[in-house]
Amino acid sequence: MADRRTDAELVKGALEGSGEAFGALVARYKDAVFGVAYHRLGDFEEARDAAQEALVKAFTNLSKLREPRAFADWRYVA
């Protein structure tokens, strides 16, 4: 079942230390992040690695996100 919390709620939870909240964000956006990576790289394994790196980078830079509800767009540039 999909998590019904908003991105802003999940970001807030992740910033408060909830790995489960960030996991819910990853579950929500991992396919989209992979899709962008695959489109740019054209290789499944490279895209999978790039998507994982992008999500790790998003996590490590989460405190820099000024508007938590904008996570969907921000994850591509974090």
N, C-alpha and C. Protein backbone atom coordinates (compact mmCIF):
# COMPACT_ATOMS: atom_id res chain seq x y z
N MET A 1 0.85 -1.19 0.00
CA MET A 1 0.00 0.00 0.00
C MET A 1 0.89 1.24 0.00
N ALA A 2 0.54 2.19 -0.80
CA ALA A 2 1.31 3.43 -0.93
C ALA A 2 1.19 4.27 0.34
N ASP A 3 2.27 4.92 0.68
CA ASP A 3 2.29 5.81 1.83
C ASP A 3 1.50 7.07 1.47
N ARG A 4 0.56 7.44 2.30
CA ARG A 4 -0.32 8.58 2.00
C ARG A 4 0.23 9.91 2.51
N ARG A 5 1.35 9.89 3.21
CA ARG A 5 1.92 11.14 3.70
C ARG A 5 2.44 11.97 2.54
N THR A 6 2.40 13.27 2.70
CA THR A 6 2.92 14.17 1.67
C THR A 6 4.44 14.11 1.65
N ASP A 7 5.03 14.59 0.56
CA ASP A 7 6.48 14.68 0.50
C ASP A 7 7.00 15.54 1.64
N ALA A 8 6.32 16.63 1.92
CA ALA A 8 6.76 17.53 3.00
C ALA A 8 6.78 16.79 4.33
N GLU A 9 5.76 15.99 4.60
CA GLU A 9 5.72 15.23 5.85
C GLU A 9 6.86 14.22 5.91
N LEU A 10 7.12 13.56 4.79
CA LEU A 10 8.19 12.56 4.74
C LEU A 10 9.56 13.21 4.88
N VAL A 11 9.76 14.35 4.24
CA VAL A 11 11.02 15.07 4.36
C VAL A 11 11.23 15.49 5.81
N LYS A 12 10.20 16.02 6.42
CA LYS A 12 10.30 16.43 7.83
C LYS A 12 10.67 15.24 8.69
N GLY A 13 10.04 14.12 8.48
CA GLY A 13 10.35 12.92 9.24
C GLY A 13 11.79 12.46 9.02
N ALA A 14 12.23 12.49 7.78
CA ALA A 14 13.60 12.09 7.47
C ALA A 14 14.60 13.02 8.15
N LEU A 15 14.32 14.31 8.13
CA LEU A 15 15.20 15.27 8.78
C LEU A 15 15.23 15.09 10.30
N GLU A 16 14.17 14.52 10.83
CA GLU A 16 14.11 14.24 12.27
C GLU A 16 14.73 12.88 12.61
N GLY A 17 15.26 12.21 11.59
CA GLY A 17 15.97 10.95 11.83
C GLY A 17 15.24 9.68 11.47
N SER A 18 14.08 9.80 10.84
CA SER A 18 13.32 8.61 10.48
C SER A 18 13.82 8.02 9.16
N GLY A 19 14.50 6.90 9.25
CA GLY A 19 14.92 6.19 8.05
C GLY A 19 13.72 5.67 7.28
N GLU A 20 12.66 5.33 8.00
CA GLU A 20 11.44 4.84 7.37
C GLU A 20 10.82 5.92 6.49
N ALA A 21 10.86 7.17 6.94
CA ALA A 21 10.30 8.27 6.15
C ALA A 21 11.09 8.46 4.86
N PHE A 22 12.42 8.43 4.97
CA PHE A 22 13.21 8.57 3.74
C PHE A 22 13.01 7.35 2.85
N GLY A 23 12.87 6.18 3.44
CA GLY A 23 12.59 4.98 2.66
C GLY A 23 11.30 5.11 1.86
N ALA A 24 10.32 5.76 2.45
CA ALA A 24 9.05 5.98 1.75
C ALA A 24 9.25 6.93 0.56
N LEU A 25 10.11 7.95 0.74
CA LEU A 25 10.43 8.84 -0.39
C LEU A 25 11.15 8.06 -1.50
N VAL A 26 12.09 7.22 -1.11
CA VAL A 26 12.81 6.40 -2.09
C VAL A 26 11.82 5.50 -2.84
N ALA A 27 10.95 4.84 -2.11
CA ALA A 27 9.97 3.96 -2.74
C ALA A 27 9.09 4.73 -3.73
N ARG A 28 8.76 5.96 -3.37
CA ARG A 28 7.89 6.78 -4.20
C ARG A 28 8.57 7.22 -5.49
N TYR A 29 9.88 7.50 -5.43
CA TYR A 29 10.55 8.14 -6.56
C TYR A 29 11.65 7.32 -7.23
N LYS A 30 11.96 6.14 -6.73
CA LYS A 30 13.09 5.38 -7.27
C LYS A 30 12.92 5.05 -8.75
N ASP A 31 11.72 4.71 -9.17
CA ASP A 31 11.51 4.38 -10.57
C ASP A 31 11.69 5.60 -11.48
N ALA A 32 11.23 6.74 -11.03
CA ALA A 32 11.39 7.97 -11.82
C ALA A 32 12.86 8.36 -11.92
N VAL A 33 13.58 8.24 -10.81
CA VAL A 33 15.01 8.58 -10.81
C VAL A 33 15.75 7.62 -11.73
N PHE A 34 15.43 6.34 -11.65
CA PHE A 34 16.05 5.36 -12.54
C PHE A 34 15.72 5.67 -14.00
N GLY A 35 14.49 6.05 -14.27
CA GLY A 35 14.09 6.35 -15.64
C GLY A 35 14.89 7.50 -16.24
N VAL A 36 15.11 8.53 -15.47
CA VAL A 36 15.92 9.66 -15.94
C VAL A 36 17.34 9.20 -16.18
N ALA A 37 17.89 8.44 -15.26
CA ALA A 37 19.27 7.96 -15.40
C ALA A 37 19.40 7.06 -16.62
N TYR A 38 18.44 6.18 -16.83
CA TYR A 38 18.51 5.27 -17.98
C TYR A 38 18.38 6.05 -19.29
N HIS A 39 17.52 7.02 -19.30
CA HIS A 39 17.34 7.85 -20.50
C HIS A 39 18.65 8.55 -20.86
N ARG A 40 19.34 9.04 -19.85
CA ARG A 40 20.59 9.77 -20.08
C ARG A 40 21.77 8.86 -20.39
N LEU A 41 21.81 7.68 -19.75
CA LEU A 41 22.98 6.81 -19.85
C LEU A 41 22.81 5.66 -20.86
N GLY A 42 21.58 5.19 -21.02
CA GLY A 42 21.31 4.12 -21.98
C GLY A 42 21.82 2.75 -21.57
N ASP A 43 22.24 2.59 -20.34
CA ASP A 43 22.76 1.31 -19.86
C ASP A 43 22.10 0.99 -18.53
N PHE A 44 21.51 -0.20 -18.43
CA PHE A 44 20.74 -0.57 -17.25
C PHE A 44 21.57 -0.50 -15.97
N GLU A 45 22.73 -1.15 -15.96
CA GLU A 45 23.55 -1.20 -14.75
C GLU A 45 24.08 0.18 -14.36
N GLU A 46 24.53 0.94 -15.34
CA GLU A 46 25.00 2.29 -15.05
C GLU A 46 23.87 3.15 -14.51
N ALA A 47 22.69 3.00 -15.08
CA ALA A 47 21.53 3.77 -14.63
C ALA A 47 21.14 3.38 -13.21
N ARG A 48 21.21 2.10 -12.91
CA ARG A 48 20.88 1.65 -11.56
C ARG A 48 21.86 2.24 -10.55
N ASP A 49 23.15 2.21 -10.88
CA ASP A 49 24.16 2.80 -9.99
C ASP A 49 23.96 4.30 -9.85
N ALA A 50 23.69 4.98 -10.97
CA ALA A 50 23.51 6.43 -10.93
C ALA A 50 22.27 6.80 -10.11
N ALA A 51 21.20 6.03 -10.25
CA ALA A 51 19.98 6.30 -9.49
C ALA A 51 20.25 6.13 -7.99
N GLN A 52 20.97 5.09 -7.63
CA GLN A 52 21.29 4.88 -6.23
C GLN A 52 22.15 6.02 -5.70
N GLU A 53 23.14 6.43 -6.47
CA GLU A 53 23.99 7.56 -6.06
C GLU A 53 23.17 8.84 -5.91
N ALA A 54 22.24 9.06 -6.83
CA ALA A 54 21.40 10.26 -6.76
C ALA A 54 20.55 10.27 -5.50
N LEU A 55 20.01 9.12 -5.13
CA LEU A 55 19.17 9.05 -3.94
C LEU A 55 20.00 9.19 -2.66
N VAL A 56 21.21 8.65 -2.66
CA VAL A 56 22.10 8.84 -1.51
C VAL A 56 22.46 10.31 -1.39
N LYS A 57 22.75 10.94 -2.53
CA LYS A 57 23.09 12.36 -2.53
C LYS A 57 21.90 13.20 -2.04
N ALA A 58 20.70 12.83 -2.46
CA ALA A 58 19.51 13.54 -1.99
C ALA A 58 19.40 13.42 -0.47
N PHE A 59 19.67 12.23 0.06
CA PHE A 59 19.60 12.03 1.51
C PHE A 59 20.64 12.89 2.23
N THR A 60 21.87 12.88 1.74
CA THR A 60 22.93 13.62 2.42
C THR A 60 22.76 15.13 2.32
N ASN A 61 22.01 15.57 1.31
CA ASN A 61 21.78 17.01 1.13
C ASN A 61 20.38 17.45 1.54
N LEU A 62 19.63 16.57 2.16
CA LEU A 62 18.23 16.85 2.47
C LEU A 62 18.06 18.11 3.32
N SER A 63 19.00 18.38 4.19
CA SER A 63 18.88 19.56 5.04
C SER A 63 18.98 20.87 4.24
N LYS A 64 19.47 20.80 3.01
CA LYS A 64 19.58 21.99 2.16
C LYS A 64 18.29 22.30 1.41
N LEU A 65 17.35 21.38 1.44
CA LEU A 65 16.08 21.57 0.75
C LEU A 65 15.28 22.65 1.46
N ARG A 66 15.04 23.75 0.77
CA ARG A 66 14.34 24.89 1.39
C ARG A 66 12.85 24.68 1.48
N GLU A 67 12.28 23.99 0.51
CA GLU A 67 10.84 23.78 0.46
C GLU A 67 10.56 22.28 0.41
N PRO A 68 10.28 21.64 1.54
CA PRO A 68 10.11 20.19 1.58
C PRO A 68 9.09 19.62 0.60
N ARG A 69 8.06 20.40 0.27
CA ARG A 69 7.07 19.87 -0.68
C ARG A 69 7.62 19.81 -2.10
N ALA A 70 8.80 20.40 -2.33
CA ALA A 70 9.41 20.41 -3.66
C ALA A 70 10.39 19.25 -3.87
N PHE A 71 10.38 18.26 -2.99
CA PHE A 71 11.32 17.15 -3.10
C PHE A 71 11.26 16.48 -4.47
N ALA A 72 10.10 16.34 -5.05
CA ALA A 72 9.95 15.64 -6.33
C ALA A 72 10.84 16.25 -7.41
N ASP A 73 10.93 17.56 -7.48
CA ASP A 73 11.77 18.21 -8.48
C ASP A 73 13.22 18.35 -8.01
N TRP A 74 13.40 18.63 -6.74
CA TRP A 74 14.71 18.88 -6.18
C TRP A 74 15.62 17.65 -6.25
N ARG A 75 15.07 16.46 -6.15
CA ARG A 75 15.88 15.24 -6.11
C ARG A 75 16.76 15.10 -7.34
N TYR A 76 16.39 15.74 -8.44
CA TYR A 76 17.19 15.64 -9.67
C TYR A 76 18.40 16.56 -9.64
N VAL A 77 18.39 17.57 -8.80
CA VAL A 77 19.49 18.55 -8.82
C VAL A 77 20.28 18.58 -7.51
N ALA A 78 19.85 17.80 -6.55
CA ALA A 78 20.51 17.84 -5.23
C ALA A 78 21.93 17.52 -5.40
